[in-house]
Structures are given as structure tokens and as C-alpha cells.
Amino acid sequence: MQSTLFDQKNLEVQTTNRFALQNPQLLRVHLGGDVLATKGAMVAYQGNITFNHEGAGSVGKFMKKVLTSEDVPLMRVAGEGDVFFASEAGYVFLVDLQGDAISLNGRNLLAFDSNVTWDIRRTGGAGMMSGGLFNVFLQGQGTVAMHAVGQPVILDCSQQPTYVDVQACVAWSANLTPQVVNSMNMKSMLRGGSGEAFQYAFHGPGFVVVQPSEWTPVAGGGQGGGGLGGLFN
């Protein structure tokens, strides 16, 4: 049998790394410890693997459930073997945390080492009209895998204020505290505003990652901030 399908670039990548990219849009994780991943992100696996729902883990996180209405729950992946993850054919990027932290839009989260601690943070500003805007805060030692719709760009927020559409924002430096701002006047809002009326405002030493595409707000969840409600289930 002959086909370009079987070219070397499409074959499994052999590596000893725990987290490794099969190609720019597909992640392979070799289990040696548990991994947490968003449900629906697994596309294949080899070996003896189990997938179990991952709850909030604390009363504090559980109580935050009432603040969101979207559904991107986590699952715990355990066992021996290899698991392949992907989502929306997005470009996958790995961040190795070394005691530091990063803030991430929940809809851009793919998987992370189970020893990395996580929490939900709410972004303030713009009043009730912006809906509930939430992000995932990840900190500790381990690898975090995120994905972006299209090839992202990293903007430096230290020189001047930087504004990013809330549905195009992928991640940012944990030391930055964004505010939600409304760029449309009341007359425009009354005529029917768009999701682009609200942006994250960043200013300070750090970076923000922006994807060249906007997520569609989840029905019933306002602007949503990345679909985090199910993380608390």
C-alpha cells in the first residue's frame, strides 16, 4: 500500500518526554503520573488508561459553581500508556511551570500535570453587562498544555495599556490583573452591541497571548470568560 498518508511526518513521534507534540495540533502524553484534561480533549490512547470525572476538590471551588453556567469539566487521566489530546484542531503549546504561575482562558486549556494547583479567578470591571468573566489560575511545578485557534501572538503589556477582546484572549502573565472595560457608548449598546464591546485591559510588566479568532460566547453564559462552569462539577 502506498500513500503520502504514511509519510514520516504523520507517524508517531518517538520521544522520552512526558509531554510531546505529535504535530502542531496534537499532543501526546506518556503517563507516569496522573494528568488532568478537559473532557472531550482525548482523541486516542494506547495502553491501560482510565478516565474519571475530576470534581472541584474543595468547598471554595464548589461554591464558585453558582457564578458560571458553562460546561468545560475536567477529567483525571491515569494508568500506563500514552494519551493523545487535541481540541478544535487548535495549535498546541506547552508551558513548563517552575514554581511560577499563568492565567488561562478555560476554553484554551487542554491538559496539565495533576500536581499543578489550579483555581478559578474572576475578572472585575465593566459592571454586570459584561457577564461573568472567569479564568483558570495554574501554579506550581509541572507542564500545562494549551491550544489556540490559529497561530497566536504575544503582546508586551509593559510599555502601554493593551486591550484584548475577551473571546480572543488565550493567556497572560499571572502577575497581571486585567480589568474588563466597555469600549461602546450607551447609544451603540441600545442599538445592539456585540461581544467586541468588552475587552480585557492589561498594563504592567508581563505578556498576554492573543489568538486570531474569537470564541463564540456560550449560550446562557454571557461573555463567559472561557467556559469554566463545569470545572467545578
Protein backbone atom coordinates (compact mmCIF):
# COMPACT_ATOMS: atom_id res chain seq x y z
CA MET A 1 0.00 0.00 0.00
CA GLN A 2 1.37 3.42 -0.96
CA SER A 3 0.15 6.89 0.04
CA THR A 4 1.52 10.19 1.27
CA LEU A 5 -0.64 9.48 4.32
CA PHE A 6 2.16 7.23 5.53
CA ASP A 7 4.88 9.88 5.23
CA GLN A 8 7.24 10.12 8.18
CA LYS A 9 5.66 13.39 9.32
CA ASN A 10 2.38 11.55 10.03
CA LEU A 11 3.90 8.68 12.01
CA GLU A 12 4.13 8.55 15.80
CA VAL A 13 6.87 10.70 17.28
CA GLN A 14 9.18 8.58 19.42
CA THR A 15 10.39 10.50 22.46
CA THR A 16 11.11 10.04 26.13
CA ASN A 17 9.44 13.34 27.04
CA ARG A 18 6.27 13.06 29.12
CA PHE A 19 4.51 15.83 27.17
CA ALA A 20 5.38 15.90 23.46
CA LEU A 21 3.80 17.31 20.33
CA GLN A 22 2.96 14.74 17.65
CA ASN A 23 2.44 17.68 15.33
CA PRO A 24 1.50 21.34 15.92
CA GLN A 25 -2.12 20.40 16.65
CA LEU A 26 -1.83 17.09 18.51
CA LEU A 27 -0.38 16.41 21.95
CA ARG A 28 0.85 13.07 23.26
CA VAL A 29 1.29 12.48 26.99
CA HIS A 30 3.13 9.46 28.35
CA LEU A 31 1.56 8.66 31.69
CA GLY A 32 3.88 8.28 34.65
CA GLY A 33 1.61 10.23 36.92
CA ASP A 34 -1.96 11.44 36.59
CA VAL A 35 -2.92 14.19 34.15
CA LEU A 36 -5.93 16.49 34.32
CA ALA A 37 -7.54 17.34 30.98
CA THR A 38 -10.69 18.96 29.69
CA LYS A 39 -13.38 16.41 28.87
CA GLY A 40 -13.63 15.75 25.16
CA ALA A 41 -9.95 16.52 24.54
CA MET A 42 -8.86 12.87 24.30
CA VAL A 43 -8.72 11.68 20.69
CA ALA A 44 -6.85 8.37 21.15
CA TYR A 45 -4.92 6.33 23.69
CA GLN A 46 -2.67 3.28 23.91
CA GLY A 47 -2.34 1.08 26.98
CA ASN A 48 -4.34 0.61 30.16
CA ILE A 49 -5.87 4.02 30.78
CA THR A 50 -8.78 5.18 32.94
CA PHE A 51 -10.75 8.41 32.66
CA ASN A 52 -12.63 9.74 35.69
CA HIS A 53 -14.51 12.93 36.36
CA GLU A 54 -12.48 15.41 38.41
CA GLY A 55 -14.51 17.39 40.93
CA ALA A 56 -13.82 20.77 42.46
CA GLY A 57 -11.64 19.35 45.20
CA SER A 58 -12.61 21.98 47.74
CA VAL A 59 -15.67 23.70 49.12
CA GLY A 60 -14.35 27.05 47.92
CA LYS A 61 -14.15 25.94 44.31
CA PHE A 62 -17.52 24.22 44.55
CA MET A 63 -19.17 27.41 45.77
CA LYS A 64 -17.90 29.25 42.70
CA LYS A 65 -20.05 26.97 40.55
CA VAL A 66 -23.04 29.25 41.09
CA LEU A 67 -21.16 32.07 39.37
CA THR A 68 -20.92 30.34 35.99
CA SER A 69 -23.28 28.45 33.71
CA GLU A 70 -20.97 26.94 31.11
CA ASP A 71 -19.65 23.41 30.85
CA VAL A 72 -15.97 22.51 30.39
CA PRO A 73 -15.43 19.86 33.08
CA LEU A 74 -12.12 18.26 33.92
CA MET A 75 -11.26 14.58 33.87
CA ARG A 76 -8.44 12.73 35.62
CA VAL A 77 -6.42 10.51 33.29
CA ALA A 78 -4.48 7.70 34.97
CA GLY A 79 -2.82 4.39 34.15
CA GLU A 80 0.04 3.21 31.97
CA GLY A 81 0.39 4.16 28.34
CA ASP A 82 0.06 7.14 26.01
CA VAL A 83 -2.86 9.51 25.59
CA PHE A 84 -3.38 11.84 22.64
CA PHE A 85 -5.14 15.18 23.16
CA ALA A 86 -6.46 17.82 20.74
CA SER A 87 -9.28 20.35 20.56
CA GLU A 88 -10.80 22.33 17.69
CA ALA A 89 -7.67 21.47 15.64
CA GLY A 90 -6.04 24.25 17.65
CA TYR A 91 -2.30 24.81 17.77
CA VAL A 92 -0.90 23.25 20.95
CA PHE A 93 1.67 24.96 23.16
CA LEU A 94 3.42 23.64 26.26
CA VAL A 95 4.35 25.77 29.26
CA ASP A 96 6.69 24.32 31.87
CA LEU A 97 5.91 25.88 35.23
CA GLN A 98 8.86 26.03 37.63
CA GLY A 99 7.17 27.27 40.75
CA ASP A 100 5.59 30.17 38.87
CA ALA A 101 2.07 30.64 37.52
CA ILE A 102 -0.03 31.56 34.50
CA SER A 103 -3.63 32.64 33.94
CA LEU A 104 -5.52 30.94 31.14
CA ASN A 105 -8.86 31.22 29.39
CA GLY A 106 -10.69 27.99 30.26
CA ARG A 107 -11.63 27.27 26.65
CA ASN A 108 -7.95 27.28 25.70
CA LEU A 109 -6.98 24.78 28.39
CA LEU A 110 -6.08 21.28 27.14
CA ALA A 111 -4.26 19.31 29.88
CA PHE A 112 -1.82 19.70 32.78
CA ASP A 113 0.13 17.70 35.33
CA SER A 114 -2.08 16.76 38.27
CA ASN A 115 0.42 18.16 40.79
CA VAL A 116 -0.08 21.66 39.35
CA THR A 117 -2.54 23.53 41.55
CA TRP A 118 -5.47 25.31 39.90
CA ASP A 119 -8.15 27.74 40.88
CA ILE A 120 -10.80 29.92 39.28
CA ARG A 121 -10.32 33.69 39.25
CA ARG A 122 -12.96 36.27 38.42
CA THR A 123 -12.05 39.36 36.41
CA GLY A 124 -13.63 42.59 37.61
CA GLY A 125 -14.86 45.67 35.82
CA ALA A 126 -17.46 46.75 33.26
CA GLY A 127 -20.31 46.06 35.64
CA MET A 128 -22.94 43.39 35.18
CA MET A 129 -23.32 43.97 31.43
CA SER A 130 -20.12 42.02 30.71
CA GLY A 131 -21.46 38.89 32.36
CA GLY A 132 -19.28 36.65 34.47
CA LEU A 133 -15.68 36.62 33.21
CA PHE A 134 -13.52 33.88 34.69
CA ASN A 135 -10.11 32.35 34.06
CA VAL A 136 -8.06 29.40 35.30
CA PHE A 137 -5.06 30.19 37.52
CA LEU A 138 -2.38 27.46 37.36
CA GLN A 139 0.67 27.38 39.63
CA GLY A 140 3.43 25.03 40.73
CA GLN A 141 5.80 22.52 39.18
CA GLY A 142 4.72 20.77 36.00
CA THR A 143 3.60 21.15 32.41
CA VAL A 144 0.49 22.94 31.16
CA ALA A 145 -0.79 22.34 27.62
CA MET A 146 -2.95 25.00 25.99
CA HIS A 147 -4.32 25.39 22.48
CA ALA A 148 -5.06 28.42 20.34
CA VAL A 149 -7.35 28.82 17.35
CA GLY A 150 -4.80 29.81 14.72
CA GLN A 151 -1.24 30.99 15.29
CA PRO A 152 -1.24 33.30 18.33
CA VAL A 153 0.75 36.46 19.00
CA ILE A 154 2.32 37.54 22.31
CA LEU A 155 1.89 41.20 23.20
CA ASP A 156 4.10 43.10 25.66
CA CYS A 157 1.92 44.94 28.19
CA SER A 158 4.71 46.79 29.96
CA GLN A 159 5.08 49.79 27.64
CA GLN A 160 1.48 50.88 27.18
CA PRO A 161 -2.09 49.78 28.00
CA THR A 162 -3.10 46.72 25.98
CA TYR A 163 -6.72 45.78 25.23
CA VAL A 164 -7.77 42.31 24.06
CA ASP A 165 -11.20 41.01 23.08
CA VAL A 166 -12.32 38.69 25.87
CA GLN A 167 -13.07 35.89 23.37
CA ALA A 168 -9.66 36.15 21.68
CA CYS A 169 -7.57 36.21 24.85
CA VAL A 170 -5.71 32.92 25.44
CA ALA A 171 -3.46 33.50 28.48
CA TRP A 172 -1.49 36.12 30.37
CA SER A 173 1.21 36.60 32.99
CA ALA A 174 -0.09 35.68 36.42
CA ASN A 175 1.25 38.90 37.90
CA LEU A 176 -1.06 40.95 35.67
CA THR A 177 -4.53 41.84 36.94
CA PRO A 178 -6.76 42.62 33.96
CA GLN A 179 -9.91 44.68 34.17
CA VAL A 180 -12.92 44.32 31.88
CA VAL A 181 -13.68 47.54 30.03
CA ASN A 182 -16.53 48.54 27.73
CA SER A 183 -15.49 50.33 24.55
CA MET A 184 -19.02 51.07 23.29
CA ASN A 185 -21.14 54.02 24.30
CA MET A 186 -24.68 53.64 25.59
CA LYS A 187 -26.24 54.66 22.27
CA SER A 188 -24.40 51.86 20.49
CA MET A 189 -25.40 49.36 23.15
CA LEU A 190 -29.07 50.28 22.81
CA ARG A 191 -28.88 49.70 19.07
CA GLY A 192 -27.47 46.22 19.66
CA GLY A 193 -23.89 45.79 20.77
CA SER A 194 -21.53 42.96 20.01
CA GLY A 195 -19.18 40.84 22.08
CA GLU A 196 -16.39 43.14 20.93
CA ALA A 197 -17.79 45.81 23.26
CA PHE A 198 -15.84 44.21 26.11
CA GLN A 199 -12.10 43.81 26.37
CA TYR A 200 -9.53 42.80 28.93
CA ALA A 201 -7.33 45.78 29.80
CA PHE A 202 -3.72 44.93 30.72
CA HIS A 203 -0.92 47.25 31.81
CA GLY A 204 2.26 46.31 33.60
CA PRO A 205 5.32 44.08 33.27
CA GLY A 206 4.14 40.93 31.56
CA PHE A 207 2.58 39.47 28.43
CA VAL A 208 -0.78 38.47 27.00
CA VAL A 209 -1.35 35.76 24.39
CA VAL A 210 -3.91 36.57 21.67
CA GLN A 211 -5.39 34.15 19.12
CA PRO A 212 -6.54 35.32 15.65
CA SER A 213 -10.07 34.09 16.28
CA GLU A 214 -12.87 34.77 18.74
CA TRP A 215 -14.72 32.10 20.66
CA THR A 216 -18.49 32.18 20.28
CA PRO A 217 -19.97 33.12 23.68
CA VAL A 218 -21.68 30.14 25.30
CA ALA A 219 -25.47 30.42 25.26
CA GLY A 220 -26.81 31.50 28.62
CA GLY A 221 -23.36 32.31 29.93
CA GLY A 222 -22.96 35.95 28.97
CA GLN A 223 -19.44 36.63 27.80
CA GLY A 224 -18.47 33.60 29.81
CA GLY A 225 -14.74 34.12 30.05
CA GLY A 226 -13.91 30.78 28.53
CA GLY A 227 -16.43 28.21 29.63
CA LEU A 228 -15.48 27.36 33.19
CA GLY A 229 -18.71 26.38 34.88
CA GLY A 230 -18.24 22.64 34.55
CA LEU A 231 -14.79 22.80 36.11
CA PHE A 232 -16.49 22.88 39.48
CA ASN A 233 -18.80 19.88 38.99
